[in-house]
Amino acid sequence: MDGPNSINSAVGPLPKGDEARLRFAAQKLEAVWLAHVLKESRGTAQGFLDSSMASQTFRDMLDEALAEEIATSGKFGLADGMVRQLMPEAGVQAGEAQSGGGTQ
């Protein structure tokens, strides 16, 4: 059921597995938050664009694209923190794998 009003039509197919779905949702939430921060930090400064509705739309789209890119790259880290908080056992397993094993 991938009609025009389904979630998959807006964001693409959802990943399989609980941790992958949580990470996907956390990245989307991080992107929304970053877009809001970018928009608010701009304030009333117009920059090189005029104050028309088209310019405002362009700035909003630019903020959303930049926020999506930052969130997807994982460089900001908000999504990773959310995943660690909501799935602590996944973070523990990842930490054990990086450290070379379990307890001795």
PDB file of N, CA and C in Angstrom:
ATOM      1  N   MET A   1       0.841  -1.186   0.000  1.00  0.00           N
ATOM      2  CA  MET A   1       0.000   0.000   0.000  1.00  0.00           C
ATOM      3  C   MET A   1       0.885   1.248   0.000  1.00  0.00           C
ATOM      4  N   ASP A   2       1.478   1.569  -1.137  1.00  0.00           N
ATOM      5  CA  ASP A   2       2.334   2.736  -1.286  1.00  0.00           C
ATOM      6  C   ASP A   2       1.634   3.808  -2.113  1.00  0.00           C
ATOM      7  N   GLY A   3       0.465   4.218  -1.682  1.00  0.00           N
ATOM      8  CA  GLY A   3      -0.264   5.267  -2.374  1.00  0.00           C
ATOM      9  C   GLY A   3       0.371   6.622  -2.133  1.00  0.00           C
ATOM     10  N   PRO A   4      -0.179   7.670  -2.740  1.00  0.00           N
ATOM     11  CA  PRO A   4       0.408   8.999  -2.610  1.00  0.00           C
ATOM     12  C   PRO A   4       0.350   9.562  -1.200  1.00  0.00           C
ATOM     13  N   ASN A   5      -0.492   9.027  -0.338  1.00  0.00           N
ATOM     14  CA  ASN A   5      -0.611   9.542   1.024  1.00  0.00           C
ATOM     15  C   ASN A   5       0.100   8.670   2.057  1.00  0.00           C
ATOM     16  N   SER A   6       0.801   7.630   1.623  1.00  0.00           N
ATOM     17  CA  SER A   6       1.481   6.761   2.582  1.00  0.00           C
ATOM     18  C   SER A   6       2.815   7.375   2.996  1.00  0.00           C
ATOM     19  N   ILE A   7       3.346   6.916   4.093  1.00  0.00           N
ATOM     20  CA  ILE A   7       4.633   7.411   4.593  1.00  0.00           C
ATOM     21  C   ILE A   7       5.748   7.119   3.605  1.00  0.00           C
ATOM     22  N   ASN A   8       5.685   5.996   2.922  1.00  0.00           N
ATOM     23  CA  ASN A   8       6.745   5.625   1.991  1.00  0.00           C
ATOM     24  C   ASN A   8       6.819   6.555   0.793  1.00  0.00           C
ATOM     25  N   SER A   9       5.727   7.183   0.414  1.00  0.00           N
ATOM     26  CA  SER A   9       5.771   8.099  -0.726  1.00  0.00           C
ATOM     27  C   SER A   9       6.524   9.373  -0.387  1.00  0.00           C
ATOM     28  N   ALA A  10       6.579   9.734   0.893  1.00  0.00           N
ATOM     29  CA  ALA A  10       7.241  10.975   1.294  1.00  0.00           C
ATOM     30  C   ALA A  10       8.712  10.788   1.634  1.00  0.00           C
ATOM     31  N   VAL A  11       9.086   9.668   2.239  1.00  0.00           N
ATOM     32  CA  VAL A  11      10.451   9.498   2.710  1.00  0.00           C
ATOM     33  C   VAL A  11      11.168   8.317   2.081  1.00  0.00           C
ATOM     34  N   GLY A  12      10.518   7.569   1.246  1.00  0.00           N
ATOM     35  CA  GLY A  12      11.137   6.394   0.650  1.00  0.00           C
ATOM     36  C   GLY A  12      10.854   5.167   1.481  1.00  0.00           C
ATOM     37  N   PRO A  13      11.356   4.025   1.029  1.00  0.00           N
ATOM     38  CA  PRO A  13      11.096   2.787   1.769  1.00  0.00           C
ATOM     39  C   PRO A  13      11.806   2.792   3.119  1.00  0.00           C
ATOM     40  N   LEU A  14      11.125   2.260   4.115  1.00  0.00           N
ATOM     41  CA  LEU A  14      11.703   2.190   5.456  1.00  0.00           C
ATOM     42  C   LEU A  14      12.672   1.020   5.524  1.00  0.00           C
ATOM     43  N   PRO A  15      13.774   1.185   6.259  1.00  0.00           N
ATOM     44  CA  PRO A  15      14.723   0.081   6.401  1.00  0.00           C
ATOM     45  C   PRO A  15      14.137  -1.067   7.209  1.00  0.00           C
ATOM     46  N   LYS A  16      14.749  -2.229   7.086  1.00  0.00           N
ATOM     47  CA  LYS A  16      14.331  -3.421   7.844  1.00  0.00           C
ATOM     48  C   LYS A  16      15.106  -3.459   9.160  1.00  0.00           C
ATOM     49  N   GLY A  17      14.497  -3.998  10.177  1.00  0.00           N
ATOM     50  CA  GLY A  17      15.165  -4.149  11.473  1.00  0.00           C
ATOM     51  C   GLY A  17      14.896  -2.969  12.390  1.00  0.00           C
ATOM     52  N   ASP A  18      14.790  -3.259  13.679  1.00  0.00           N
ATOM     53  CA  ASP A  18      14.448  -2.235  14.671  1.00  0.00           C
ATOM     54  C   ASP A  18      15.498  -1.136  14.769  1.00  0.00           C
ATOM     55  N   GLU A  19      16.770  -1.517  14.861  1.00  0.00           N
ATOM     56  CA  GLU A  19      17.804  -0.508  15.016  1.00  0.00           C
ATOM     57  C   GLU A  19      17.922   0.372  13.769  1.00  0.00           C
ATOM     58  N   ALA A  20      17.821  -0.223  12.598  1.00  0.00           N
ATOM     59  CA  ALA A  20      17.906   0.553  11.356  1.00  0.00           C
ATOM     60  C   ALA A  20      16.728   1.514  11.231  1.00  0.00           C
ATOM     61  N   ARG A  21      15.543   1.067  11.623  1.00  0.00           N
ATOM     62  CA  ARG A  21      14.364   1.941  11.569  1.00  0.00           C
ATOM     63  C   ARG A  21      14.478   3.074  12.585  1.00  0.00           C
ATOM     64  N   LEU A  22      14.997   2.757  13.773  1.00  0.00           N
ATOM     65  CA  LEU A  22      15.191   3.785  14.788  1.00  0.00           C
ATOM     66  C   LEU A  22      16.210   4.806  14.313  1.00  0.00           C
ATOM     67  N   ARG A  23      17.321   4.355  13.732  1.00  0.00           N
ATOM     68  CA  ARG A  23      18.345   5.263  13.231  1.00  0.00           C
ATOM     69  C   ARG A  23      17.770   6.147  12.113  1.00  0.00           C
ATOM     70  N   PHE A  24      16.977   5.565  11.233  1.00  0.00           N
ATOM     71  CA  PHE A  24      16.342   6.320  10.146  1.00  0.00           C
ATOM     72  C   PHE A  24      15.447   7.416  10.721  1.00  0.00           C
ATOM     73  N   ALA A  25      14.596   7.059  11.687  1.00  0.00           N
ATOM     74  CA  ALA A  25      13.691   8.032  12.304  1.00  0.00           C
ATOM     75  C   ALA A  25      14.473   9.108  13.059  1.00  0.00           C
ATOM     76  N   ALA A  26      15.536   8.711  13.746  1.00  0.00           N
ATOM     77  CA  ALA A  26      16.356   9.674  14.487  1.00  0.00           C
ATOM     78  C   ALA A  26      17.039  10.650  13.540  1.00  0.00           C
ATOM     79  N   GLN A  27      17.507  10.170  12.397  1.00  0.00           N
ATOM     80  CA  GLN A  27      18.126  11.064  11.415  1.00  0.00           C
ATOM     81  C   GLN A  27      17.103  12.039  10.838  1.00  0.00           C
ATOM     82  N   LYS A  28      15.897  11.565  10.596  1.00  0.00           N
ATOM     83  CA  LYS A  28      14.845  12.460  10.086  1.00  0.00           C
ATOM     84  C   LYS A  28      14.492  13.520  11.131  1.00  0.00           C
ATOM     85  N   LEU A  29      14.406  13.121  12.398  1.00  0.00           N
ATOM     86  CA  LEU A  29      14.115  14.077  13.466  1.00  0.00           C
ATOM     87  C   LEU A  29      15.258  15.077  13.614  1.00  0.00           C
ATOM     88  N   GLU A  30      16.493  14.602  13.518  1.00  0.00           N
ATOM     89  CA  GLU A  30      17.645  15.495  13.572  1.00  0.00           C
ATOM     90  C   GLU A  30      17.601  16.498  12.418  1.00  0.00           C
ATOM     91  N   ALA A  31      17.221  16.043  11.236  1.00  0.00           N
ATOM     92  CA  ALA A  31      17.136  16.936  10.074  1.00  0.00           C
ATOM     93  C   ALA A  31      16.069  18.003  10.268  1.00  0.00           C
ATOM     94  N   VAL A  32      14.932  17.633  10.833  1.00  0.00           N
ATOM     95  CA  VAL A  32      13.870  18.611  11.095  1.00  0.00           C
ATOM     96  C   VAL A  32      14.353  19.651  12.096  1.00  0.00           C
ATOM     97  N   TRP A  33      15.005  19.187  13.154  1.00  0.00           N
ATOM     98  CA  TRP A  33      15.515  20.110  14.177  1.00  0.00           C
ATOM     99  C   TRP A  33      16.583  21.036  13.599  1.00  0.00           C
ATOM    100  N   LEU A  34      17.508  20.480  12.816  1.00  0.00           N
ATOM    101  CA  LEU A  34      18.558  21.304  12.212  1.00  0.00           C
ATOM    102  C   LEU A  34      17.978  22.335  11.241  1.00  0.00           C
ATOM    103  N   ALA A  35      16.967  21.951  10.464  1.00  0.00           N
ATOM    104  CA  ALA A  35      16.329  22.899   9.549  1.00  0.00           C
ATOM    105  C   ALA A  35      15.705  24.050  10.335  1.00  0.00           C
ATOM    106  N   HIS A  36      15.084  23.729  11.455  1.00  0.00           N
ATOM    107  CA  HIS A  36      14.492  24.769  12.304  1.00  0.00           C
ATOM    108  C   HIS A  36      15.581  25.698  12.848  1.00  0.00           C
ATOM    109  N   VAL A  37      16.679  25.117  13.319  1.00  0.00           N
ATOM    110  CA  VAL A  37      17.785  25.920  13.850  1.00  0.00           C
ATOM    111  C   VAL A  37      18.356  26.822  12.751  1.00  0.00           C
ATOM    112  N   LEU A  38      18.559  26.281  11.571  1.00  0.00           N
ATOM    113  CA  LEU A  38      19.087  27.080  10.459  1.00  0.00           C
ATOM    114  C   LEU A  38      18.150  28.238  10.111  1.00  0.00           C
ATOM    115  N   LYS A  39      16.855  27.941  10.057  1.00  0.00           N
ATOM    116  CA  LYS A  39      15.880  28.979   9.722  1.00  0.00           C
ATOM    117  C   LYS A  39      15.849  30.078  10.783  1.00  0.00           C
ATOM    118  N   GLU A  40      15.841  29.671  12.051  1.00  0.00           N
ATOM    119  CA  GLU A  40      15.793  30.655  13.133  1.00  0.00           C
ATOM    120  C   GLU A  40      17.088  31.442  13.260  1.00  0.00           C
ATOM    121  N   SER A  41      18.206  30.797  12.974  1.00  0.00           N
ATOM    122  CA  SER A  41      19.477  31.505  13.086  1.00  0.00           C
ATOM    123  C   SER A  41      19.646  32.543  11.994  1.00  0.00           C
ATOM    124  N   ARG A  42      18.948  32.365  10.906  1.00  0.00           N
ATOM    125  CA  ARG A  42      18.989  33.341   9.826  1.00  0.00           C
ATOM    126  C   ARG A  42      18.346  34.650  10.265  1.00  0.00           C
ATOM    127  N   GLY A  43      17.352  34.571  11.134  1.00  0.00           N
ATOM    128  CA  GLY A  43      16.669  35.764  11.635  1.00  0.00           C
ATOM    129  C   GLY A  43      15.984  36.525  10.513  1.00  0.00           C
ATOM    130  N   THR A  44      16.143  37.815  10.522  1.00  0.00           N
ATOM    131  CA  THR A  44      15.504  38.646   9.505  1.00  0.00           C
ATOM    132  C   THR A  44      16.482  39.092   8.426  1.00  0.00           C
ATOM    133  N   ALA A  45      17.721  38.636   8.498  1.00  0.00           N
ATOM    134  CA  ALA A  45      18.718  39.015   7.492  1.00  0.00           C
ATOM    135  C   ALA A  45      18.319  38.450   6.135  1.00  0.00           C
ATOM    136  N   GLN A  46      18.334  39.281   5.133  1.00  0.00           N
ATOM    137  CA  GLN A  46      17.924  38.861   3.802  1.00  0.00           C
ATOM    138  C   GLN A  46      19.084  38.283   2.998  1.00  0.00           C
ATOM    139  N   GLY A  47      20.298  38.723   3.255  1.00  0.00           N
ATOM    140  CA  GLY A  47      21.427  38.215   2.503  1.00  0.00           C
ATOM    141  C   GLY A  47      21.395  38.703   1.074  1.00  0.00           C
ATOM    142  N   PHE A  48      21.796  37.840   0.151  1.00  0.00           N
ATOM    143  CA  PHE A  48      21.866  38.236  -1.252  1.00  0.00           C
ATOM    144  C   PHE A  48      20.538  38.102  -1.974  1.00  0.00           C
ATOM    145  N   LEU A  49      19.530  37.559  -1.312  1.00  0.00           N
ATOM    146  CA  LEU A  49      18.227  37.375  -1.945  1.00  0.00           C
ATOM    147  C   LEU A  49      17.252  38.447  -1.495  1.00  0.00           C
ATOM    148  N   ASP A  50      16.287  38.747  -2.342  1.00  0.00           N
ATOM    149  CA  ASP A  50      15.261  39.717  -1.962  1.00  0.00           C
ATOM    150  C   ASP A  50      14.259  39.064  -1.002  1.00  0.00           C
ATOM    151  N   SER A  51      13.235  39.788  -0.632  1.00  0.00           N
ATOM    152  CA  SER A  51      12.292  39.283   0.368  1.00  0.00           C
ATOM    153  C   SER A  51      11.012  38.733  -0.257  1.00  0.00           C
ATOM    154  N   SER A  52      11.068  38.310  -1.503  1.00  0.00           N
ATOM    155  CA  SER A  52       9.880  37.778  -2.168  1.00  0.00           C
ATOM    156  C   SER A  52       9.523  36.390  -1.636  1.00  0.00           C
ATOM    157  N   MET A  53       8.321  35.949  -1.949  1.00  0.00           N
ATOM    158  CA  MET A  53       7.862  34.627  -1.532  1.00  0.00           C
ATOM    159  C   MET A  53       8.732  33.544  -2.171  1.00  0.00           C
ATOM    160  N   ALA A  54       9.154  33.736  -3.403  1.00  0.00           N
ATOM    161  CA  ALA A  54      10.014  32.763  -4.083  1.00  0.00           C
ATOM    162  C   ALA A  54      11.364  32.649  -3.373  1.00  0.00           C
ATOM    163  N   SER A  55      11.919  33.773  -2.959  1.00  0.00           N
ATOM    164  CA  SER A  55      13.197  33.748  -2.247  1.00  0.00           C
ATOM    165  C   SER A  55      13.067  33.055  -0.902  1.00  0.00           C
ATOM    166  N   GLN A  56      11.987  33.315  -0.200  1.00  0.00           N
ATOM    167  CA  GLN A  56      11.751  32.661   1.091  1.00  0.00           C
ATOM    168  C   GLN A  56      11.616  31.148   0.902  1.00  0.00           C
ATOM    169  N   THR A  57      10.899  30.743  -0.141  1.00  0.00           N
ATOM    170  CA  THR A  57      10.747  29.321  -0.432  1.00  0.00           C
ATOM    171  C   THR A  57      12.097  28.691  -0.748  1.00  0.00           C
ATOM    172  N   PHE A  58      12.913  29.383  -1.537  1.00  0.00           N
ATOM    173  CA  PHE A  58      14.240  28.888  -1.872  1.00  0.00           C
ATOM    174  C   PHE A  58      15.092  28.733  -0.617  1.00  0.00           C
ATOM    175  N   ARG A  59      15.070  29.721   0.263  1.00  0.00           N
ATOM    176  CA  ARG A  59      15.848  29.640   1.500  1.00  0.00           C
ATOM    177  C   ARG A  59      15.381  28.475   2.371  1.00  0.00           C
ATOM    178  N   ASP A  60      14.064  28.282   2.452  1.00  0.00           N
ATOM    179  CA  ASP A  60      13.540  27.166   3.246  1.00  0.00           C
ATOM    180  C   ASP A  60      13.976  25.822   2.667  1.00  0.00           C
ATOM    181  N   MET A  61      13.912  25.704   1.343  1.00  0.00           N
ATOM    182  CA  MET A  61      14.341  24.463   0.696  1.00  0.00           C
ATOM    183  C   MET A  61      15.837  24.234   0.881  1.00  0.00           C
ATOM    184  N   LEU A  62      16.614  25.298   0.817  1.00  0.00           N
ATOM    185  CA  LEU A  62      18.057  25.200   1.029  1.00  0.00           C
ATOM    186  C   LEU A  62      18.360  24.758   2.462  1.00  0.00           C
ATOM    187  N   ASP A  63      17.670  25.331   3.429  1.00  0.00           N
ATOM    188  CA  ASP A  63      17.854  24.944   4.830  1.00  0.00           C
ATOM    189  C   ASP A  63      17.511  23.466   5.035  1.00  0.00           C
ATOM    190  N   GLU A  64      16.408  23.011   4.441  1.00  0.00           N
ATOM    191  CA  GLU A  64      15.994  21.619   4.587  1.00  0.00           C
ATOM    192  C   GLU A  64      17.001  20.670   3.951  1.00  0.00           C
ATOM    193  N   ALA A  65      17.504  21.019   2.770  1.00  0.00           N
ATOM    194  CA  ALA A  65      18.484  20.161   2.089  1.00  0.00           C
ATOM    195  C   ALA A  65      19.790  20.104   2.880  1.00  0.00           C
ATOM    196  N   LEU A  66      20.231  21.239   3.388  1.00  0.00           N
ATOM    197  CA  LEU A  66      21.454  21.281   4.185  1.00  0.00           C
ATOM    198  C   LEU A  66      21.284  20.479   5.471  1.00  0.00           C
ATOM    199  N   ALA A  67      20.151  20.633   6.126  1.00  0.00           N
ATOM    200  CA  ALA A  67      19.878  19.897   7.362  1.00  0.00           C
ATOM    201  C   ALA A  67      19.835  18.395   7.099  1.00  0.00           C
ATOM    202  N   GLU A  68      19.227  17.977   6.014  1.00  0.00           N
ATOM    203  CA  GLU A  68      19.159  16.554   5.654  1.00  0.00           C
ATOM    204  C   GLU A  68      20.557  15.997   5.405  1.00  0.00           C
ATOM    205  N   GLU A  69      21.393  16.768   4.722  1.00  0.00           N
ATOM    206  CA  GLU A  69      22.764  16.336   4.438  1.00  0.00           C
ATOM    207  C   GLU A  69      23.585  16.203   5.728  1.00  0.00           C
ATOM    208  N   ILE A  70      23.449  17.167   6.621  1.00  0.00           N
ATOM    209  CA  ILE A  70      24.175  17.118   7.898  1.00  0.00           C
ATOM    210  C   ILE A  70      23.710  15.912   8.720  1.00  0.00           C
ATOM    211  N   ALA A  71      22.389  15.704   8.792  1.00  0.00           N
ATOM    212  CA  ALA A  71      21.853  14.601   9.594  1.00  0.00           C
ATOM    213  C   ALA A  71      22.271  13.249   9.015  1.00  0.00           C
ATOM    214  N   THR A  72      22.246  13.122   7.710  1.00  0.00           N
ATOM    215  CA  THR A  72      22.603  11.860   7.062  1.00  0.00           C
ATOM    216  C   THR A  72      24.089  11.555   7.224  1.00  0.00           C
ATOM    217  N   SER A  73      24.922  12.591   7.257  1.00  0.00           N
ATOM    218  CA  SER A  73      26.369  12.379   7.380  1.00  0.00           C
ATOM    219  C   SER A  73      26.752  11.847   8.762  1.00  0.00           C
ATOM    220  N   GLY A  74      25.945  12.124   9.773  1.00  0.00           N
ATOM    221  CA  GLY A  74      26.241  11.671  11.123  1.00  0.00           C
ATOM    222  C   GLY A  74      27.256  12.531  11.851  1.00  0.00           C
ATOM    223  N   LYS A  75      27.669  13.634  11.261  1.00  0.00           N
ATOM    224  CA  LYS A  75      28.708  14.478  11.851  1.00  0.00           C
ATOM    225  C   LYS A  75      28.197  15.267  13.059  1.00  0.00           C
ATOM    226  N   PHE A  76      26.925  15.578  13.098  1.00  0.00           N
ATOM    227  CA  PHE A  76      26.377  16.352  14.207  1.00  0.00           C
ATOM    228  C   PHE A  76      26.195  15.475  15.440  1.00  0.00           C
ATOM    229  N   GLY A  77      25.731  14.242  15.254  1.00  0.00           N
ATOM    230  CA  GLY A  77      25.686  13.273  16.337  1.00  0.00           C
ATOM    231  C   GLY A  77      24.407  13.193  17.142  1.00  0.00           C
ATOM    232  N   LEU A  78      23.428  14.028  16.849  1.00  0.00           N
ATOM    233  CA  LEU A  78      22.183  13.992  17.617  1.00  0.00           C
ATOM    234  C   LEU A  78      21.449  12.667  17.414  1.00  0.00           C
ATOM    235  N   ALA A  79      21.382  12.186  16.183  1.00  0.00           N
ATOM    236  CA  ALA A  79      20.697  10.919  15.898  1.00  0.00           C
ATOM    237  C   ALA A  79      21.394   9.762  16.602  1.00  0.00           C
ATOM    238  N   ASP A  80      22.724   9.755  16.607  1.00  0.00           N
ATOM    239  CA  ASP A  80      23.460   8.692  17.297  1.00  0.00           C
ATOM    240  C   ASP A  80      23.149   8.689  18.785  1.00  0.00           C
ATOM    241  N   GLY A  81      23.066   9.856  19.380  1.00  0.00           N
ATOM    242  CA  GLY A  81      22.721   9.955  20.790  1.00  0.00           C
ATOM    243  C   GLY A  81      21.327   9.430  21.076  1.00  0.00           C
ATOM    244  N   MET A  82      20.379   9.744  20.189  1.00  0.00           N
ATOM    245  CA  MET A  82      19.019   9.248  20.371  1.00  0.00           C
ATOM    246  C   MET A  82      18.976   7.725  20.273  1.00  0.00           C
ATOM    247  N   VAL A  83      19.714   7.168  19.313  1.00  0.00           N
ATOM    248  CA  VAL A  83      19.743   5.710  19.160  1.00  0.00           C
ATOM    249  C   VAL A  83      20.353   5.069  20.400  1.00  0.00           C
ATOM    250  N   ARG A  84      21.439   5.638  20.929  1.00  0.00           N
ATOM    251  CA  ARG A  84      22.057   5.089  22.140  1.00  0.00           C
ATOM    252  C   ARG A  84      21.101   5.148  23.323  1.00  0.00           C
ATOM    253  N   GLN A  85      20.315   6.213  23.428  1.00  0.00           N
ATOM    254  CA  GLN A  85      19.381   6.342  24.551  1.00  0.00           C
ATOM    255  C   GLN A  85      18.196   5.395  24.413  1.00  0.00           C
ATOM    256  N   LEU A  86      17.714   5.207  23.190  1.00  0.00           N
ATOM    257  CA  LEU A  86      16.507   4.412  22.986  1.00  0.00           C
ATOM    258  C   LEU A  86      16.783   2.921  22.790  1.00  0.00           C
ATOM    259  N   MET A  87      17.997   2.579  22.379  1.00  0.00           N
ATOM    260  CA  MET A  87      18.386   1.172  22.208  1.00  0.00           C
ATOM    261  C   MET A  87      19.744   0.958  22.863  1.00  0.00           C
ATOM    262  N   PRO A  88      19.825   1.051  24.184  1.00  0.00           N
ATOM    263  CA  PRO A  88      21.130   0.961  24.844  1.00  0.00           C
ATOM    264  C   PRO A  88      21.842  -0.357  24.584  1.00  0.00           C
ATOM    265  N   GLU A  89      21.099  -1.464  24.420  1.00  0.00           N
ATOM    266  CA  GLU A  89      21.768  -2.749  24.181  1.00  0.00           C
ATOM    267  C   GLU A  89      22.488  -2.755  22.837  1.00  0.00           C
ATOM    268  N   ALA A  90      22.003  -2.009  21.857  1.00  0.00           N
ATOM    269  CA  ALA A  90      22.687  -1.925  20.564  1.00  0.00           C
ATOM    270  C   ALA A  90      23.991  -1.147  20.718  1.00  0.00           C
ATOM    271  N   GLY A  91      23.973  -0.088  21.527  1.00  0.00           N
ATOM    272  CA  GLY A  91      25.190   0.679  21.775  1.00  0.00           C
ATOM    273  C   GLY A  91      26.227  -0.124  22.533  1.00  0.00           C
ATOM    274  N   VAL A  92      25.784  -0.954  23.490  1.00  0.00           N
ATOM    275  CA  VAL A  92      26.701  -1.794  24.254  1.00  0.00           C
ATOM    276  C   VAL A  92      27.336  -2.827  23.336  1.00  0.00           C
ATOM    277  N   GLN A  93      26.532  -3.456  22.463  1.00  0.00           N
ATOM    278  CA  GLN A  93      27.063  -4.446  21.538  1.00  0.00           C
ATOM    279  C   GLN A  93      28.061  -3.813  20.585  1.00  0.00           C
ATOM    280  N   ALA A  94      27.767  -2.614  20.092  1.00  0.00           N
ATOM    281  CA  ALA A  94      28.683  -1.928  19.179  1.00  0.00           C
ATOM    282  C   ALA A  94      29.976  -1.579  19.909  1.00  0.00           C
ATOM    283  N   GLY A  95      29.887  -1.152  21.162  1.00  0.00           N
ATOM    284  CA  GLY A  95      31.067  -0.823  21.946  1.00  0.00           C
ATOM    285  C   GLY A  95      31.928  -2.043  22.220  1.00  0.00           C
ATOM    286  N   GLU A  96      31.292  -3.188  22.496  1.00  0.00           N
ATOM    287  CA  GLU A  96      32.040  -4.430  22.722  1.00  0.00           C
ATOM    288  C   GLU A  96      32.760  -4.860  21.450  1.00  0.00           C
ATOM    289  N   ALA A  97      32.096  -4.716  20.314  1.00  0.00           N
ATOM    290  CA  ALA A  97      32.710  -5.111  19.054  1.00  0.00           C
ATOM    291  C   ALA A  97      33.926  -4.234  18.742  1.00  0.00           C
ATOM    292  N   GLN A  98      33.852  -2.948  19.078  1.00  0.00           N
ATOM    293  CA  GLN A  98      34.957  -2.046  18.821  1.00  0.00           C
ATOM    294  C   GLN A  98      36.113  -2.289  19.786  1.00  0.00           C
ATOM    295  N   SER A  99      35.803  -2.676  21.035  1.00  0.00           N
ATOM    296  CA  SER A  99      36.863  -2.868  22.021  1.00  0.00           C
ATOM    297  C   SER A  99      37.517  -4.232  21.913  1.00  0.00           C
ATOM    298  N   GLY A 100      36.941  -5.122  21.133  1.00  0.00           N
ATOM    299  CA  GLY A 100      37.565  -6.411  20.904  1.00  0.00           C
ATOM    300  C   GLY A 100      37.010  -7.552  21.731  1.00  0.00           C
ATOM    301  N   GLY A 101      35.820  -7.386  22.281  1.00  0.00           N
ATOM    302  CA  GLY A 101      35.235  -8.524  23.000  1.00  0.00           C
ATOM    303  C   GLY A 101      34.492  -8.103  24.243  1.00  0.00           C
ATOM    304  N   GLY A 102      34.042  -9.082  24.973  1.00  0.00           N
ATOM    305  CA  GLY A 102      33.259  -8.854  26.161  1.00  0.00           C
ATOM    306  C   GLY A 102      34.129  -8.710  27.395  1.00  0.00           C
ATOM    307  N   THR A 103      33.580  -9.088  28.543  1.00  0.00           N
ATOM    308  CA  THR A 103      34.299  -8.968  29.808  1.00  0.00           C
ATOM    309  C   THR A 103      35.295 -10.103  29.948  1.00  0.00           C
ATOM    310  N   GLN A 104      36.316  -9.873  30.749  1.00  0.00           N
ATOM    311  CA  GLN A 104      37.339 -10.894  30.956  1.00  0.00           C
ATOM    312  C   GLN A 104      37.347 -11.354  32.380  1.00  0.00           C
TER     313      GLN A 104
END
